[in-house]
Amino acid sequence: MVRTIYGDDAQWQEFRRRWHKAIQGQMVAEKVAGIEEVRDRLRFLWVEDRMLDGTTPDTVRRYVCLSIRVMLANNNYTDMSIV
């Protein structure tokens, strides 16, 4: 998830809370057998970079692709600070 609007931090935190709640609500055993294992392994990357404030989806795509290339080139799979 890439943040592209920086006017209201409380609104961003509320979005993140609701996103997490929605994902958790959909990934329950009563709806899909074996989903707990998937849920426990699922991770979302939350990107917050003020350089992306007000940007377009195409710019976000290029930013993410470039960041992934840099991580792969540096064999750095755990440091997400560049994204």
Protein backbone atom coordinates (compact mmCIF):
# COMPACT_ATOMS: atom_id res chain seq x y z
CA MET A 1 0.00 0.00 0.00
CA VAL A 2 1.44 3.32 -1.05
CA ARG A 3 0.48 6.54 0.64
CA THR A 4 0.09 9.39 -1.82
CA ILE A 5 -1.78 11.98 0.28
CA TYR A 6 -0.16 13.54 3.35
CA GLY A 7 -2.69 16.08 4.53
CA ASP A 8 -4.21 14.06 7.39
CA ASP A 9 -2.18 11.52 9.39
CA ALA A 10 -5.19 10.47 11.47
CA GLN A 11 -7.12 9.62 8.32
CA TRP A 12 -4.19 7.51 7.04
CA GLN A 13 -4.00 5.62 10.34
CA GLU A 14 -7.76 5.02 10.22
CA PHE A 15 -7.43 3.68 6.66
CA ARG A 16 -4.69 1.29 7.79
CA ARG A 17 -6.80 0.12 10.74
CA ARG A 18 -9.83 -0.49 8.52
CA TRP A 19 -7.70 -2.28 5.90
CA HIS A 20 -6.28 -4.63 8.53
CA LYS A 21 -9.73 -5.28 9.98
CA ALA A 22 -11.20 -6.03 6.53
CA ILE A 23 -8.40 -8.43 5.63
CA GLN A 24 -8.63 -10.23 8.95
CA GLY A 25 -12.42 -10.42 8.63
CA GLN A 26 -12.21 -12.13 5.26
CA MET A 27 -9.50 -14.60 6.22
CA VAL A 28 -11.32 -16.81 8.70
CA ALA A 29 -11.72 -20.58 8.68
CA GLU A 30 -15.51 -20.37 8.42
CA LYS A 31 -15.12 -18.75 4.99
CA VAL A 32 -12.09 -20.59 3.56
CA ALA A 33 -10.53 -23.82 4.85
CA GLY A 34 -6.83 -23.51 5.72
CA ILE A 35 -6.80 -19.73 5.45
CA GLU A 36 -5.22 -19.17 8.88
CA GLU A 37 -1.83 -20.30 7.60
CA VAL A 38 -2.07 -17.94 4.65
CA ARG A 39 -3.22 -15.10 6.91
CA ASP A 40 -0.32 -15.67 9.28
CA ARG A 41 2.20 -15.44 6.42
CA LEU A 42 0.61 -12.56 4.56
CA ARG A 43 2.46 -9.26 4.88
CA PHE A 44 1.66 -5.90 3.36
CA LEU A 45 4.33 -3.36 2.62
CA TRP A 46 3.18 0.10 3.66
CA VAL A 47 5.11 2.74 1.73
CA GLU A 48 5.25 6.26 3.10
CA ASP A 49 7.45 8.68 1.19
CA ARG A 50 6.47 12.34 0.99
CA MET A 51 8.06 12.45 -2.45
CA LEU A 52 4.92 10.61 -3.63
CA ASP A 53 2.50 13.21 -2.26
CA GLY A 54 -0.17 13.84 -4.89
CA THR A 55 1.50 11.64 -7.50
CA THR A 56 -0.08 9.51 -10.22
CA PRO A 57 -0.55 5.73 -10.21
CA ASP A 58 2.03 5.43 -13.00
CA THR A 59 4.63 7.24 -10.90
CA VAL A 60 3.86 4.96 -7.95
CA ARG A 61 4.33 1.91 -10.18
CA ARG A 62 7.71 3.16 -11.42
CA TYR A 63 8.78 4.04 -7.86
CA VAL A 64 7.91 0.58 -6.54
CA CYS A 65 9.54 -1.22 -9.49
CA LEU A 66 12.74 0.80 -9.11
CA SER A 67 12.83 0.18 -5.35
CA ILE A 68 12.46 -3.56 -5.87
CA ARG A 69 15.26 -3.55 -8.45
CA VAL A 70 17.54 -1.72 -6.02
CA MET A 71 16.77 -4.22 -3.23
CA LEU A 72 17.44 -7.17 -5.54
CA ALA A 73 20.66 -5.65 -6.89
CA ASN A 74 21.91 -5.14 -3.35
CA ASN A 75 20.69 -8.55 -2.13
CA ASN A 76 18.82 -6.60 0.52
CA TYR A 77 15.50 -8.33 1.05
CA THR A 78 14.78 -7.24 4.61
CA ASP A 79 15.53 -3.51 4.61
CA MET A 80 12.38 -1.86 3.35
CA SER A 81 13.56 1.62 4.33
CA ILE A 82 14.39 2.41 0.71
CA VAL A 83 10.76 1.95 -0.26
